[in-house]
Amino acid sequence: MQYETENPLFTTTEAAAYLGITRSYLYKLMMWRKVPYYKPRGKLCFFDKSDLDEYNRRYRVQSEDELEGQSEAYMLRKRIHEGLL
């Protein structure tokens, strides 16, 4: 009997391949508690695809326009706080 689910769990090998990293590095991420995983029977580890996607999205690098906008907003707040505006 084969079970099908909408959101299957990945094995360690599948999760490492999905993230584009080695299994060894995935084990380090698990040890450092950087990536969530499931261990239902206390031995094998499984990963949810949505958790892996969320992990990948954590380290977004901002564009130059976004950084410039933040810089301008900071300078405006600083001028208002100092009473220059």
PDB file of N, CA and C in Angstrom:
ATOM      1  N   MET A   1       0.847  -1.171   0.000  1.00  0.00           N
ATOM      2  CA  MET A   1       0.000   0.000   0.000  1.00  0.00           C
ATOM      3  C   MET A   1       0.901   1.246   0.000  1.00  0.00           C
ATOM      4  N   GLN A   2       0.655   2.144  -0.931  1.00  0.00           N
ATOM      5  CA  GLN A   2       1.454   3.360  -1.037  1.00  0.00           C
ATOM      6  C   GLN A   2       0.642   4.542  -0.538  1.00  0.00           C
ATOM      7  N   TYR A   3       1.256   5.360   0.312  1.00  0.00           N
ATOM      8  CA  TYR A   3       0.592   6.536   0.855  1.00  0.00           C
ATOM      9  C   TYR A   3       1.045   7.763   0.090  1.00  0.00           C
ATOM     10  N   GLU A   4       0.100   8.592  -0.293  1.00  0.00           N
ATOM     11  CA  GLU A   4       0.436   9.833  -0.969  1.00  0.00           C
ATOM     12  C   GLU A   4      -0.052  10.995  -0.123  1.00  0.00           C
ATOM     13  N   THR A   5       0.798  11.982   0.010  1.00  0.00           N
ATOM     14  CA  THR A   5       0.424  13.168   0.759  1.00  0.00           C
ATOM     15  C   THR A   5       0.716  14.393  -0.087  1.00  0.00           C
ATOM     16  N   GLU A   6       0.075  15.503   0.253  1.00  0.00           N
ATOM     17  CA  GLU A   6       0.300  16.741  -0.483  1.00  0.00           C
ATOM     18  C   GLU A   6       1.682  17.305  -0.183  1.00  0.00           C
ATOM     19  N   ASN A   7       2.148  17.122   1.027  1.00  0.00           N
ATOM     20  CA  ASN A   7       3.405  17.710   1.446  1.00  0.00           C
ATOM     21  C   ASN A   7       4.296  16.632   2.061  1.00  0.00           C
ATOM     22  N   PRO A   8       4.945  15.825   1.211  1.00  0.00           N
ATOM     23  CA  PRO A   8       5.752  14.738   1.763  1.00  0.00           C
ATOM     24  C   PRO A   8       6.990  15.277   2.475  1.00  0.00           C
ATOM     25  N   LEU A   9       7.499  14.489   3.389  1.00  0.00           N
ATOM     26  CA  LEU A   9       8.719  14.852   4.091  1.00  0.00           C
ATOM     27  C   LEU A   9       9.927  14.336   3.313  1.00  0.00           C
ATOM     28  N   PHE A  10      11.002  15.104   3.338  1.00  0.00           N
ATOM     29  CA  PHE A  10      12.237  14.716   2.658  1.00  0.00           C
ATOM     30  C   PHE A  10      13.131  13.942   3.625  1.00  0.00           C
ATOM     31  N   THR A  11      13.879  13.008   3.109  1.00  0.00           N
ATOM     32  CA  THR A  11      14.917  12.354   3.891  1.00  0.00           C
ATOM     33  C   THR A  11      16.110  13.308   3.979  1.00  0.00           C
ATOM     34  N   THR A  12      17.107  12.936   4.751  1.00  0.00           N
ATOM     35  CA  THR A  12      18.298  13.774   4.887  1.00  0.00           C
ATOM     36  C   THR A  12      18.983  13.963   3.535  1.00  0.00           C
ATOM     37  N   THR A  13      19.109  12.905   2.777  1.00  0.00           N
ATOM     38  CA  THR A  13      19.745  12.976   1.464  1.00  0.00           C
ATOM     39  C   THR A  13      18.952  13.872   0.527  1.00  0.00           C
ATOM     40  N   GLU A  14      17.626  13.717   0.516  1.00  0.00           N
ATOM     41  CA  GLU A  14      16.774  14.543  -0.346  1.00  0.00           C
ATOM     42  C   GLU A  14      16.815  16.010   0.066  1.00  0.00           C
ATOM     43  N   ALA A  15      16.802  16.263   1.378  1.00  0.00           N
ATOM     44  CA  ALA A  15      16.832  17.638   1.872  1.00  0.00           C
ATOM     45  C   ALA A  15      18.145  18.323   1.510  1.00  0.00           C
ATOM     46  N   ALA A  16      19.253  17.617   1.660  1.00  0.00           N
ATOM     47  CA  ALA A  16      20.556  18.190   1.301  1.00  0.00           C
ATOM     48  C   ALA A  16      20.602  18.517  -0.187  1.00  0.00           C
ATOM     49  N   ALA A  17      20.102  17.610  -1.008  1.00  0.00           N
ATOM     50  CA  ALA A  17      20.077  17.854  -2.451  1.00  0.00           C
ATOM     51  C   ALA A  17      19.174  19.045  -2.778  1.00  0.00           C
ATOM     52  N   TYR A  18      18.026  19.130  -2.131  1.00  0.00           N
ATOM     53  CA  TYR A  18      17.087  20.231  -2.360  1.00  0.00           C
ATOM     54  C   TYR A  18      17.716  21.579  -2.005  1.00  0.00           C
ATOM     55  N   LEU A  19      18.485  21.619  -0.900  1.00  0.00           N
ATOM     56  CA  LEU A  19      19.134  22.857  -0.472  1.00  0.00           C
ATOM     57  C   LEU A  19      20.426  23.138  -1.244  1.00  0.00           C
ATOM     58  N   GLY A  20      20.947  22.122  -1.927  1.00  0.00           N
ATOM     59  CA  GLY A  20      22.188  22.289  -2.669  1.00  0.00           C
ATOM     60  C   GLY A  20      23.412  22.282  -1.770  1.00  0.00           C
ATOM     61  N   ILE A  21      23.343  21.516  -0.688  1.00  0.00           N
ATOM     62  CA  ILE A  21      24.455  21.416   0.259  1.00  0.00           C
ATOM     63  C   ILE A  21      24.784  19.944   0.480  1.00  0.00           C
ATOM     64  N   THR A  22      25.897  19.686   1.142  1.00  0.00           N
ATOM     65  CA  THR A  22      26.257  18.298   1.439  1.00  0.00           C
ATOM     66  C   THR A  22      25.465  17.803   2.643  1.00  0.00           C
ATOM     67  N   ARG A  23      25.377  16.504   2.752  1.00  0.00           N
ATOM     68  CA  ARG A  23      24.703  15.923   3.922  1.00  0.00           C
ATOM     69  C   ARG A  23      25.449  16.290   5.196  1.00  0.00           C
ATOM     70  N   SER A  24      26.761  16.341   5.109  1.00  0.00           N
ATOM     71  CA  SER A  24      27.569  16.696   6.267  1.00  0.00           C
ATOM     72  C   SER A  24      27.215  18.089   6.773  1.00  0.00           C
ATOM     73  N   TYR A  25      27.064  19.035   5.844  1.00  0.00           N
ATOM     74  CA  TYR A  25      26.716  20.397   6.257  1.00  0.00           C
ATOM     75  C   TYR A  25      25.290  20.452   6.795  1.00  0.00           C
ATOM     76  N   LEU A  26      24.387  19.664   6.225  1.00  0.00           N
ATOM     77  CA  LEU A  26      23.016  19.600   6.731  1.00  0.00           C
ATOM     78  C   LEU A  26      23.018  19.079   8.170  1.00  0.00           C
ATOM     79  N   TYR A  27      23.844  18.075   8.463  1.00  0.00           N
ATOM     80  CA  TYR A  27      23.932  17.570   9.833  1.00  0.00           C
ATOM     81  C   TYR A  27      24.433  18.656  10.782  1.00  0.00           C
ATOM     82  N   LYS A  28      25.369  19.484  10.322  1.00  0.00           N
ATOM     83  CA  LYS A  28      25.845  20.595  11.150  1.00  0.00           C
ATOM     84  C   LYS A  28      24.722  21.591  11.407  1.00  0.00           C
ATOM     85  N   LEU A  29      23.945  21.905  10.374  1.00  0.00           N
ATOM     86  CA  LEU A  29      22.808  22.811  10.551  1.00  0.00           C
ATOM     87  C   LEU A  29      21.806  22.242  11.552  1.00  0.00           C
ATOM     88  N   MET A  30      21.610  20.941  11.518  1.00  0.00           N
ATOM     89  CA  MET A  30      20.711  20.286  12.462  1.00  0.00           C
ATOM     90  C   MET A  30      21.276  20.387  13.873  1.00  0.00           C
ATOM     91  N   MET A  31      22.576  20.145  14.022  1.00  0.00           N
ATOM     92  CA  MET A  31      23.222  20.196  15.326  1.00  0.00           C
ATOM     93  C   MET A  31      23.137  21.613  15.912  1.00  0.00           C
ATOM     94  N   TRP A  32      23.309  22.625  15.059  1.00  0.00           N
ATOM     95  CA  TRP A  32      23.248  24.027  15.490  1.00  0.00           C
ATOM     96  C   TRP A  32      21.811  24.525  15.610  1.00  0.00           C
ATOM     97  N   ARG A  33      20.835  23.659  15.312  1.00  0.00           N
ATOM     98  CA  ARG A  33      19.406  24.012  15.370  1.00  0.00           C
ATOM     99  C   ARG A  33      19.062  25.173  14.442  1.00  0.00           C
ATOM    100  N   LYS A  34      19.670  25.173  13.250  1.00  0.00           N
ATOM    101  CA  LYS A  34      19.418  26.226  12.263  1.00  0.00           C
ATOM    102  C   LYS A  34      18.295  25.854  11.307  1.00  0.00           C
ATOM    103  N   VAL A  35      18.062  24.575  11.154  1.00  0.00           N
ATOM    104  CA  VAL A  35      17.012  24.104  10.249  1.00  0.00           C
ATOM    105  C   VAL A  35      16.127  23.121  11.018  1.00  0.00           C
ATOM    106  N   PRO A  36      14.807  23.312  10.965  1.00  0.00           N
ATOM    107  CA  PRO A  36      13.915  22.408  11.694  1.00  0.00           C
ATOM    108  C   PRO A  36      13.793  21.048  11.004  1.00  0.00           C
ATOM    109  N   TYR A  37      13.607  20.028  11.808  1.00  0.00           N
ATOM    110  CA  TYR A  37      13.432  18.683  11.266  1.00  0.00           C
ATOM    111  C   TYR A  37      12.552  17.871  12.207  1.00  0.00           C
ATOM    112  N   TYR A  38      12.116  16.731  11.708  1.00  0.00           N
ATOM    113  CA  TYR A  38      11.246  15.831  12.471  1.00  0.00           C
ATOM    114  C   TYR A  38      11.987  14.528  12.700  1.00  0.00           C
ATOM    115  N   LYS A  39      11.794  13.949  13.867  1.00  0.00           N
ATOM    116  CA  LYS A  39      12.434  12.686  14.222  1.00  0.00           C
ATOM    117  C   LYS A  39      11.374  11.813  14.884  1.00  0.00           C
ATOM    118  N   PRO A  40      10.426  11.288  14.096  1.00  0.00           N
ATOM    119  CA  PRO A  40       9.251  10.620  14.654  1.00  0.00           C
ATOM    120  C   PRO A  40       9.522   9.355  15.463  1.00  0.00           C
ATOM    121  N   ARG A  41      10.498   8.569  15.085  1.00  0.00           N
ATOM    122  CA  ARG A  41      10.756   7.336  15.814  1.00  0.00           C
ATOM    123  C   ARG A  41      12.120   7.357  16.500  1.00  0.00           C
ATOM    124  N   GLY A  42      12.690   8.550  16.651  1.00  0.00           N
ATOM    125  CA  GLY A  42      13.928   8.699  17.381  1.00  0.00           C
ATOM    126  C   GLY A  42      15.191   8.320  16.635  1.00  0.00           C
ATOM    127  N   LYS A  43      15.085   7.970  15.361  1.00  0.00           N
ATOM    128  CA  LYS A  43      16.281   7.576  14.631  1.00  0.00           C
ATOM    129  C   LYS A  43      16.425   8.360  13.331  1.00  0.00           C
ATOM    130  N   LEU A  44      15.529   8.137  12.392  1.00  0.00           N
ATOM    131  CA  LEU A  44      15.603   8.810  11.103  1.00  0.00           C
ATOM    132  C   LEU A  44      15.072  10.237  11.207  1.00  0.00           C
ATOM    133  N   CYS A  45      15.689  11.138  10.462  1.00  0.00           N
ATOM    134  CA  CYS A  45      15.275  12.537  10.449  1.00  0.00           C
ATOM    135  C   CYS A  45      14.592  12.850   9.123  1.00  0.00           C
ATOM    136  N   PHE A  46      13.554  13.674   9.204  1.00  0.00           N
ATOM    137  CA  PHE A  46      12.810  14.075   8.025  1.00  0.00           C
ATOM    138  C   PHE A  46      12.630  15.589   8.020  1.00  0.00           C
ATOM    139  N   PHE A  47      12.471  16.154   6.825  1.00  0.00           N
ATOM    140  CA  PHE A  47      12.381  17.597   6.659  1.00  0.00           C
ATOM    141  C   PHE A  47      11.157  17.950   5.838  1.00  0.00           C
ATOM    142  N   ASP A  48      10.461  18.992   6.265  1.00  0.00           N
ATOM    143  CA  ASP A  48       9.305  19.495   5.538  1.00  0.00           C
ATOM    144  C   ASP A  48       9.793  20.496   4.493  1.00  0.00           C
ATOM    145  N   LYS A  49       9.290  20.387   3.272  1.00  0.00           N
ATOM    146  CA  LYS A  49       9.713  21.277   2.190  1.00  0.00           C
ATOM    147  C   LYS A  49       9.488  22.738   2.539  1.00  0.00           C
ATOM    148  N   SER A  50       8.376  23.064   3.169  1.00  0.00           N
ATOM    149  CA  SER A  50       8.100  24.467   3.508  1.00  0.00           C
ATOM    150  C   SER A  50       9.097  24.990   4.540  1.00  0.00           C
ATOM    151  N   ASP A  51       9.555  24.143   5.459  1.00  0.00           N
ATOM    152  CA  ASP A  51      10.583  24.548   6.420  1.00  0.00           C
ATOM    153  C   ASP A  51      11.907  24.834   5.710  1.00  0.00           C
ATOM    154  N   LEU A  52      12.241  24.001   4.724  1.00  0.00           N
ATOM    155  CA  LEU A  52      13.474  24.204   3.973  1.00  0.00           C
ATOM    156  C   LEU A  52      13.403  25.483   3.143  1.00  0.00           C
ATOM    157  N   ASP A  53      12.226  25.742   2.554  1.00  0.00           N
ATOM    158  CA  ASP A  53      12.044  26.978   1.789  1.00  0.00           C
ATOM    159  C   ASP A  53      12.187  28.199   2.689  1.00  0.00           C
ATOM    160  N   GLU A  54      11.621  28.120   3.879  1.00  0.00           N
ATOM    161  CA  GLU A  54      11.722  29.227   4.837  1.00  0.00           C
ATOM    162  C   GLU A  54      13.179  29.447   5.254  1.00  0.00           C
ATOM    163  N   TYR A  55      13.908  28.362   5.458  1.00  0.00           N
ATOM    164  CA  TYR A  55      15.326  28.477   5.810  1.00  0.00           C
ATOM    165  C   TYR A  55      16.084  29.209   4.697  1.00  0.00           C
ATOM    166  N   ASN A  56      15.820  28.842   3.451  1.00  0.00           N
ATOM    167  CA  ASN A  56      16.494  29.488   2.325  1.00  0.00           C
ATOM    168  C   ASN A  56      16.164  30.975   2.229  1.00  0.00           C
ATOM    169  N   ARG A  57      14.970  31.360   2.633  1.00  0.00           N
ATOM    170  CA  ARG A  57      14.552  32.762   2.508  1.00  0.00           C
ATOM    171  C   ARG A  57      15.052  33.642   3.655  1.00  0.00           C
ATOM    172  N   ARG A  58      15.632  33.062   4.677  1.00  0.00           N
ATOM    173  CA  ARG A  58      16.105  33.838   5.831  1.00  0.00           C
ATOM    174  C   ARG A  58      17.265  34.757   5.504  1.00  0.00           C
ATOM    175  N   TYR A  59      18.062  34.397   4.548  1.00  0.00           N
ATOM    176  CA  TYR A  59      19.304  35.111   4.301  1.00  0.00           C
ATOM    177  C   TYR A  59      19.239  35.938   3.015  1.00  0.00           C
ATOM    178  N   ARG A  60      18.195  36.728   2.904  1.00  0.00           N
ATOM    179  CA  ARG A  60      17.983  37.569   1.732  1.00  0.00           C
ATOM    180  C   ARG A  60      18.916  38.773   1.801  1.00  0.00           C
ATOM    181  N   VAL A  61      19.542  39.082   0.679  1.00  0.00           N
ATOM    182  CA  VAL A  61      20.412  40.247   0.577  1.00  0.00           C
ATOM    183  C   VAL A  61      19.607  41.362  -0.063  1.00  0.00           C
ATOM    184  N   GLN A  62      19.593  42.527   0.571  1.00  0.00           N
ATOM    185  CA  GLN A  62      18.800  43.641   0.077  1.00  0.00           C
ATOM    186  C   GLN A  62      19.442  44.263  -1.150  1.00  0.00           C
ATOM    187  N   SER A  63      18.570  44.819  -2.016  1.00  0.00           N
ATOM    188  CA  SER A  63      19.060  45.490  -3.208  1.00  0.00           C
ATOM    189  C   SER A  63      19.607  46.867  -2.833  1.00  0.00           C
ATOM    190  N   GLU A  64      20.320  47.462  -3.742  1.00  0.00           N
ATOM    191  CA  GLU A  64      20.884  48.794  -3.525  1.00  0.00           C
ATOM    192  C   GLU A  64      19.773  49.822  -3.278  1.00  0.00           C
ATOM    193  N   ASP A  65      18.684  49.716  -4.011  1.00  0.00           N
ATOM    194  CA  ASP A  65      17.554  50.641  -3.830  1.00  0.00           C
ATOM    195  C   ASP A  65      16.947  50.517  -2.437  1.00  0.00           C
ATOM    196  N   GLU A  66      16.807  49.285  -1.943  1.00  0.00           N
ATOM    197  CA  GLU A  66      16.259  49.076  -0.605  1.00  0.00           C
ATOM    198  C   GLU A  66      17.175  49.671   0.461  1.00  0.00           C
ATOM    199  N   LEU A  67      18.475  49.453   0.302  1.00  0.00           N
ATOM    200  CA  LEU A  67      19.431  50.006   1.271  1.00  0.00           C
ATOM    201  C   LEU A  67      19.429  51.529   1.239  1.00  0.00           C
ATOM    202  N   GLU A  68      19.342  52.095   0.060  1.00  0.00           N
ATOM    203  CA  GLU A  68      19.307  53.554  -0.072  1.00  0.00           C
ATOM    204  C   GLU A  68      18.056  54.124   0.589  1.00  0.00           C
ATOM    205  N   GLY A  69      16.922  53.469   0.405  1.00  0.00           N
ATOM    206  CA  GLY A  69      15.677  53.908   1.030  1.00  0.00           C
ATOM    207  C   GLY A  69      15.779  53.860   2.553  1.00  0.00           C
ATOM    208  N   GLN A  70      16.378  52.805   3.077  1.00  0.00           N
ATOM    209  CA  GLN A  70      16.553  52.699   4.523  1.00  0.00           C
ATOM    210  C   GLN A  70      17.495  53.784   5.042  1.00  0.00           C
ATOM    211  N   SER A  71      18.523  54.062   4.282  1.00  0.00           N
ATOM    212  CA  SER A  71      19.480  55.086   4.676  1.00  0.00           C
ATOM    213  C   SER A  71      18.815  56.462   4.718  1.00  0.00           C
ATOM    214  N   GLU A  72      18.027  56.767   3.709  1.00  0.00           N
ATOM    215  CA  GLU A  72      17.321  58.050   3.666  1.00  0.00           C
ATOM    216  C   GLU A  72      16.340  58.172   4.829  1.00  0.00           C
ATOM    217  N   ALA A  73      15.623  57.104   5.127  1.00  0.00           N
ATOM    218  CA  ALA A  73      14.670  57.127   6.232  1.00  0.00           C
ATOM    219  C   ALA A  73      15.397  57.321   7.563  1.00  0.00           C
ATOM    220  N   TYR A  74      16.537  56.688   7.721  1.00  0.00           N
ATOM    221  CA  TYR A  74      17.321  56.835   8.941  1.00  0.00           C
ATOM    222  C   TYR A  74      17.804  58.276   9.101  1.00  0.00           C
ATOM    223  N   MET A  75      18.324  58.847   8.030  1.00  0.00           N
ATOM    224  CA  MET A  75      18.839  60.224   8.093  1.00  0.00           C
ATOM    225  C   MET A  75      17.706  61.205   8.397  1.00  0.00           C
ATOM    226  N   LEU A  76      16.525  60.986   7.842  1.00  0.00           N
ATOM    227  CA  LEU A  76      15.374  61.848   8.105  1.00  0.00           C
ATOM    228  C   LEU A  76      14.978  61.757   9.581  1.00  0.00           C
ATOM    229  N   ARG A  77      14.902  60.514  10.108  1.00  0.00           N
ATOM    230  CA  ARG A  77      14.567  60.341  11.531  1.00  0.00           C
ATOM    231  C   ARG A  77      15.610  61.002  12.430  1.00  0.00           C
ATOM    232  N   LYS A  78      16.865  60.895  12.040  1.00  0.00           N
ATOM    233  CA  LYS A  78      17.943  61.492  12.832  1.00  0.00           C
ATOM    234  C   LYS A  78      17.837  63.021  12.839  1.00  0.00           C
ATOM    235  N   ARG A  79      17.532  63.608  11.691  1.00  0.00           N
ATOM    236  CA  ARG A  79      17.393  65.070  11.600  1.00  0.00           C
ATOM    237  C   ARG A  79      16.201  65.548  12.421  1.00  0.00           C
ATOM    238  N   ILE A  80      15.110  64.790  12.369  1.00  0.00           N
ATOM    239  CA  ILE A  80      13.918  65.169  13.151  1.00  0.00           C
ATOM    240  C   ILE A  80      14.235  65.069  14.643  1.00  0.00           C
ATOM    241  N   HIS A  81      14.910  64.015  15.033  1.00  0.00           N
ATOM    242  CA  HIS A  81      15.259  63.809  16.450  1.00  0.00           C
ATOM    243  C   HIS A  81      16.196  64.913  16.963  1.00  0.00           C
ATOM    244  N   GLU A  82      17.098  65.362  16.121  1.00  0.00           N
ATOM    245  CA  GLU A  82      18.053  66.411  16.524  1.00  0.00           C
ATOM    246  C   GLU A  82      17.472  67.805  16.400  1.00  0.00           C
ATOM    247  N   GLY A  83      16.255  67.879  15.886  1.00  0.00           N
ATOM    248  CA  GLY A  83      15.598  69.180  15.751  1.00  0.00           C
ATOM    249  C   GLY A  83      16.090  70.006  14.577  1.00  0.00           C
ATOM    250  N   LEU A  84      16.675  69.352  13.584  1.00  0.00           N
ATOM    251  CA  LEU A  84      17.183  70.066  12.420  1.00  0.00           C
ATOM    252  C   LEU A  84      16.107  70.311  11.369  1.00  0.00           C
ATOM    253  N   LEU A  85      14.978  69.660  11.519  1.00  0.00           N
ATOM    254  CA  LEU A  85      13.870  69.871  10.551  1.00  0.00           C
ATOM    255  C   LEU A  85      12.681  70.487  11.210  1.00  0.00           C
TER     256      LEU A  85
END
